[in-house]
Each structure stands twice: as structure tokens, then as C-alpha cells.
N, C-alpha and C. Protein backbone atom coordinates (compact mmCIF):
# COMPACT_ATOMS: atom_id res chain seq x y z
N MET A 1 57.39 -33.31 139.38
CA MET A 1 55.81 -33.06 139.60
C MET A 1 55.65 -33.80 140.68
N PHE A 2 56.60 -34.00 141.40
CA PHE A 2 55.89 -34.95 143.15
C PHE A 2 56.47 -33.51 143.94
N GLU A 3 57.41 -33.27 144.05
CA GLU A 3 57.41 -31.76 145.05
C GLU A 3 56.47 -30.81 144.71
N LEU A 4 56.14 -30.72 143.35
CA LEU A 4 54.86 -30.04 143.19
C LEU A 4 53.76 -30.16 144.10
N LYS A 5 53.24 -30.96 144.23
CA LYS A 5 52.23 -31.92 144.57
C LYS A 5 52.34 -31.45 146.33
N ILE A 6 53.52 -31.41 147.04
CA ILE A 6 53.85 -31.64 147.75
C ILE A 6 54.19 -30.03 148.71
N GLN A 7 54.21 -29.24 147.73
CA GLN A 7 54.45 -27.99 148.18
C GLN A 7 53.02 -27.48 147.97
N LEU A 8 51.97 -27.97 147.62
CA LEU A 8 50.46 -27.07 146.86
C LEU A 8 49.78 -27.72 148.23
N ILE A 9 50.58 -29.14 148.68
CA ILE A 9 49.42 -29.30 149.38
C ILE A 9 50.11 -29.14 151.07
N HIS A 10 51.07 -28.78 151.08
CA HIS A 10 51.56 -27.69 152.12
C HIS A 10 50.94 -26.32 152.51
N TRP A 11 51.02 -25.61 151.14
CA TRP A 11 50.53 -24.20 150.74
C TRP A 11 48.98 -24.47 151.95
N LEU A 12 47.97 -25.58 151.09
CA LEU A 12 46.74 -25.54 151.89
C LEU A 12 46.63 -26.24 152.75
N LEU A 13 47.21 -26.43 153.67
CA LEU A 13 47.22 -26.94 155.36
C LEU A 13 47.25 -25.61 155.75
N ILE A 14 48.82 -25.10 155.56
CA ILE A 14 48.74 -23.63 156.06
C ILE A 14 47.40 -23.11 155.87
N SER A 15 47.06 -23.06 154.47
CA SER A 15 45.72 -21.74 154.66
C SER A 15 44.50 -22.44 155.28
N PHE A 16 44.41 -22.96 155.01
CA PHE A 16 43.23 -23.91 155.81
C PHE A 16 42.83 -23.98 157.24
N ILE A 17 44.12 -24.45 157.65
CA ILE A 17 44.70 -24.86 158.62
C ILE A 17 43.66 -25.79 159.30
N GLU A 18 44.04 -27.55 158.17
CA GLU A 18 43.12 -28.30 158.52
C GLU A 18 43.89 -29.36 157.94
N ARG A 19 43.75 -30.23 158.29
CA ARG A 19 44.54 -31.99 157.63
C ARG A 19 43.51 -33.01 157.45
N SER A 20 42.45 -33.26 158.58
CA SER A 20 42.06 -34.88 158.32
C SER A 20 41.65 -34.82 156.51
N PHE A 21 40.92 -33.36 156.13
CA PHE A 21 40.73 -33.83 154.41
C PHE A 21 41.59 -34.24 153.31
N HIS A 22 43.03 -33.59 153.97
CA HIS A 22 44.22 -33.98 153.55
C HIS A 22 44.43 -35.23 153.73
N LEU A 23 44.76 -35.93 154.66
CA LEU A 23 45.23 -36.45 154.88
C LEU A 23 44.08 -37.86 153.94
N ILE A 24 42.79 -37.77 153.80
CA ILE A 24 42.00 -38.87 153.21
C ILE A 24 41.99 -38.33 151.30
N LEU A 25 42.12 -37.35 151.11
CA LEU A 25 42.13 -36.96 149.80
C LEU A 25 43.76 -37.89 149.24
N THR A 26 44.88 -37.78 149.74
CA THR A 26 45.72 -38.22 149.63
C THR A 26 45.89 -40.17 149.78
N ASN A 27 45.35 -40.16 150.97
CA ASN A 27 44.95 -41.61 150.74
C ASN A 27 44.20 -42.20 149.98
N ALA A 28 43.08 -41.26 149.69
CA ALA A 28 42.13 -42.03 148.02
C ALA A 28 42.96 -41.97 147.12
N LEU A 29 43.92 -41.10 146.91
CA LEU A 29 44.50 -41.26 145.67
C LEU A 29 45.93 -42.58 145.22
N THR A 30 46.09 -42.96 146.92
CA THR A 30 47.54 -44.15 147.01
C THR A 30 46.31 -45.33 146.65
N ILE A 31 45.09 -44.95 147.15
CA ILE A 31 44.44 -45.90 147.03
C ILE A 31 43.70 -46.38 145.73
N PHE A 32 43.84 -45.35 144.74
CA PHE A 32 43.46 -45.04 143.23
C PHE A 32 44.35 -45.99 142.33
N GLY A 33 45.47 -45.32 142.85
CA GLY A 33 46.71 -46.03 141.85
C GLY A 33 46.91 -47.30 142.62
N LEU A 34 46.43 -48.30 143.74
CA LEU A 34 46.32 -49.16 143.59
C LEU A 34 45.42 -50.31 143.07
N LEU A 35 44.42 -49.58 142.81
CA LEU A 35 43.28 -49.99 142.43
C LEU A 35 43.72 -50.35 140.62
N LEU A 36 44.30 -48.94 140.02
CA LEU A 36 45.05 -49.02 139.00
C LEU A 36 45.94 -50.55 138.75
N LEU A 37 46.79 -50.86 139.44
CA LEU A 37 47.66 -51.77 139.10
C LEU A 37 47.16 -53.10 139.50
N LEU A 38 45.85 -52.79 140.34
CA LEU A 38 45.67 -54.38 140.72
C LEU A 38 44.19 -54.79 139.54
N LEU A 39 43.43 -53.95 138.66
CA LEU A 39 42.56 -54.28 137.80
C LEU A 39 43.15 -54.08 136.52
N ALA A 40 44.35 -53.83 135.99
CA ALA A 40 44.66 -53.28 134.81
C ALA A 40 45.10 -54.62 134.29
N ASP A 41 45.22 -54.85 133.38
CA ASP A 41 45.59 -55.98 132.25
C ASP A 41 47.32 -55.53 132.18
N SER A 42 47.65 -56.48 132.24
CA SER A 42 49.40 -56.57 132.42
C SER A 42 49.66 -56.03 130.76
N LYS A 43 49.19 -55.84 129.90
CA LYS A 43 49.56 -55.47 128.35
C LYS A 43 49.23 -54.25 128.48
N HIS A 44 48.71 -53.21 129.35
CA HIS A 44 48.79 -52.29 129.07
C HIS A 44 49.56 -51.14 130.30
N ALA A 45 50.85 -50.97 129.73
CA ALA A 45 51.62 -50.45 130.32
C ALA A 45 51.36 -48.89 131.33
N ASN A 46 51.06 -48.51 130.19
CA ASN A 46 50.55 -47.18 130.67
C ASN A 46 49.65 -46.80 131.75
N ILE A 47 48.59 -47.69 131.41
CA ILE A 47 48.20 -47.85 132.56
C ILE A 47 48.58 -47.73 133.81
N LEU A 48 49.24 -48.96 133.94
CA LEU A 48 50.53 -49.37 135.55
C LEU A 48 51.19 -48.26 135.49
N TYR A 49 51.65 -47.77 134.99
CA TYR A 49 52.95 -46.67 135.09
C TYR A 49 51.99 -45.49 135.78
N MET A 50 50.96 -44.99 135.42
CA MET A 50 49.84 -44.06 135.45
C MET A 50 49.52 -44.50 137.15
N GLY A 51 49.46 -45.58 137.84
CA GLY A 51 48.68 -46.37 139.04
C GLY A 51 50.01 -45.82 139.70
N VAL A 52 51.10 -46.35 139.38
CA VAL A 52 52.30 -46.60 140.50
C VAL A 52 52.70 -44.78 140.49
N ILE A 53 52.24 -43.69 139.94
CA ILE A 53 52.66 -42.34 139.93
C ILE A 53 51.40 -41.82 141.01
N PHE A 54 50.39 -42.22 140.72
CA PHE A 54 49.37 -42.12 141.46
C PHE A 54 50.04 -42.57 143.21
N ILE A 55 50.40 -43.70 143.22
CA ILE A 55 50.69 -44.28 144.56
C ILE A 55 51.59 -43.26 144.96
N THR A 56 52.82 -42.88 144.34
CA THR A 56 53.90 -42.76 144.92
C THR A 56 53.96 -41.03 144.71
N CYS A 57 52.38 -40.24 144.86
CA CYS A 57 52.32 -39.62 144.98
C CYS A 57 51.35 -38.47 146.07
N GLY A 58 50.65 -40.31 146.26
CA GLY A 58 49.76 -40.48 147.30
C GLY A 58 50.29 -40.44 148.59
N THR A 59 50.96 -41.61 148.47
CA THR A 59 51.97 -41.71 150.18
C THR A 59 53.31 -40.64 150.17
N TYR A 60 53.77 -39.89 149.17
CA TYR A 60 54.81 -38.91 149.73
C TYR A 60 54.11 -37.97 150.15
N ALA A 61 52.75 -37.46 149.65
CA ALA A 61 52.33 -36.23 150.20
C ALA A 61 51.97 -36.52 151.36
N ASN A 62 51.39 -38.28 151.67
CA ASN A 62 50.78 -38.19 152.89
C ASN A 62 51.49 -38.62 154.41
N VAL A 63 53.12 -38.57 153.63
CA VAL A 63 53.69 -38.52 154.89
C VAL A 63 54.37 -37.38 154.89
N SER A 64 54.18 -36.00 154.65
CA SER A 64 54.24 -34.90 155.45
C SER A 64 53.21 -34.08 156.51
N VAL A 65 51.67 -34.78 155.67
CA VAL A 65 50.68 -34.24 156.28
C VAL A 65 50.40 -34.60 158.27
N LYS A 66 50.98 -36.12 157.62
CA LYS A 66 51.26 -36.90 159.38
C LYS A 66 52.04 -35.98 159.92
N ILE A 67 53.60 -35.71 159.58
CA ILE A 67 53.93 -35.15 160.31
C ILE A 67 53.26 -34.17 161.04
N ALA A 68 52.91 -33.13 160.41
CA ALA A 68 52.63 -31.81 160.24
C ALA A 68 51.64 -32.05 161.69
N TRP A 69 50.80 -33.17 161.51
CA TRP A 69 49.27 -33.64 162.46
C TRP A 69 49.90 -33.62 163.84
N PHE A 70 51.21 -34.81 163.77
CA PHE A 70 51.17 -35.07 164.65
C PHE A 70 52.55 -33.72 165.86
N ASN A 71 53.00 -33.22 164.65
CA ASN A 71 53.83 -31.90 165.29
C ASN A 71 52.26 -31.31 166.12
N ASN A 72 51.48 -30.78 165.52
CA ASN A 72 50.43 -29.84 165.65
C ASN A 72 49.78 -30.32 167.24
N ASN A 73 49.35 -31.61 167.12
CA ASN A 73 48.90 -32.52 168.04
C ASN A 73 49.92 -32.14 169.40
N LEU A 74 51.41 -32.60 169.08
CA LEU A 74 51.53 -32.93 170.44
C LEU A 74 52.34 -31.58 171.18
N CYS A 75 52.21 -30.32 170.16
CA CYS A 75 52.87 -29.40 171.11
C CYS A 75 51.49 -28.46 171.71
N VAL A 76 50.48 -28.74 171.27
CA VAL A 76 49.15 -28.75 171.90
C VAL A 76 48.85 -29.61 173.23
N TYR A 77 49.44 -30.51 173.69
CA TYR A 77 49.06 -31.55 174.64
C TYR A 77 50.18 -30.89 175.21
N ILE A 78 51.37 -30.96 174.98
CA ILE A 78 52.74 -30.42 176.35
C ILE A 78 52.36 -29.17 176.53
N SER A 79 51.72 -28.00 176.19
CA SER A 79 51.45 -27.22 176.30
C SER A 79 50.16 -26.47 177.44
N PHE A 80 49.07 -28.06 177.36
CA PHE A 80 48.46 -28.29 177.97
C PHE A 80 49.12 -29.04 179.80
N LEU A 81 49.87 -29.68 179.71
CA LEU A 81 50.86 -30.11 180.88
C LEU A 81 51.39 -29.24 181.29
N PHE A 82 52.63 -28.61 180.57
CA PHE A 82 53.14 -27.28 181.30
C PHE A 82 52.50 -26.22 181.57
N GLY A 83 51.34 -25.69 180.94
CA GLY A 83 51.11 -24.46 180.97
C GLY A 83 51.92 -23.39 180.55
């Protein structure tokens, strides 16, 4: 499930050549998972488990987007420096 989500986000990044909305959405998914963990009662283990799944999906998908964004920005900066 996690690998499928990461592959989907990579395909969207390549298709739309845009990074900020993907960063916002994956961060929102992580925050939603954290809120589930914070606000859910400890008696509801299924809701807590769903919160952990959302945190994991949002965190791991966000890392790959940040790495791609940094590499793209660094390449543009280096090309301006060295022509």
C-alpha cells in the first residue's frame, strides 16, 4: 500500500511538473493522522491504527517529494552559476 502511494505521487510529479501541492497534501495527510492519534479514545484501536497508517503514508511520500524538489532546484542553480 505504501509503495503504491509513493509510485502514484511520483507519477503525478512527473506528469504535472509541480511539487508544492504534493508537499501540502502529504503534510496534510500526516497532520490528519496525528490529529486522529491525539483526539481518538484509546478504546478505539482501529481508529488509532488508521491514524498511524496516515502518518506513515504522509511521511514517506513527503520525503521523496522533498528530495526531488531539492535536486531540481539545485540543478537549476548550478546551471545558472556555471552556464
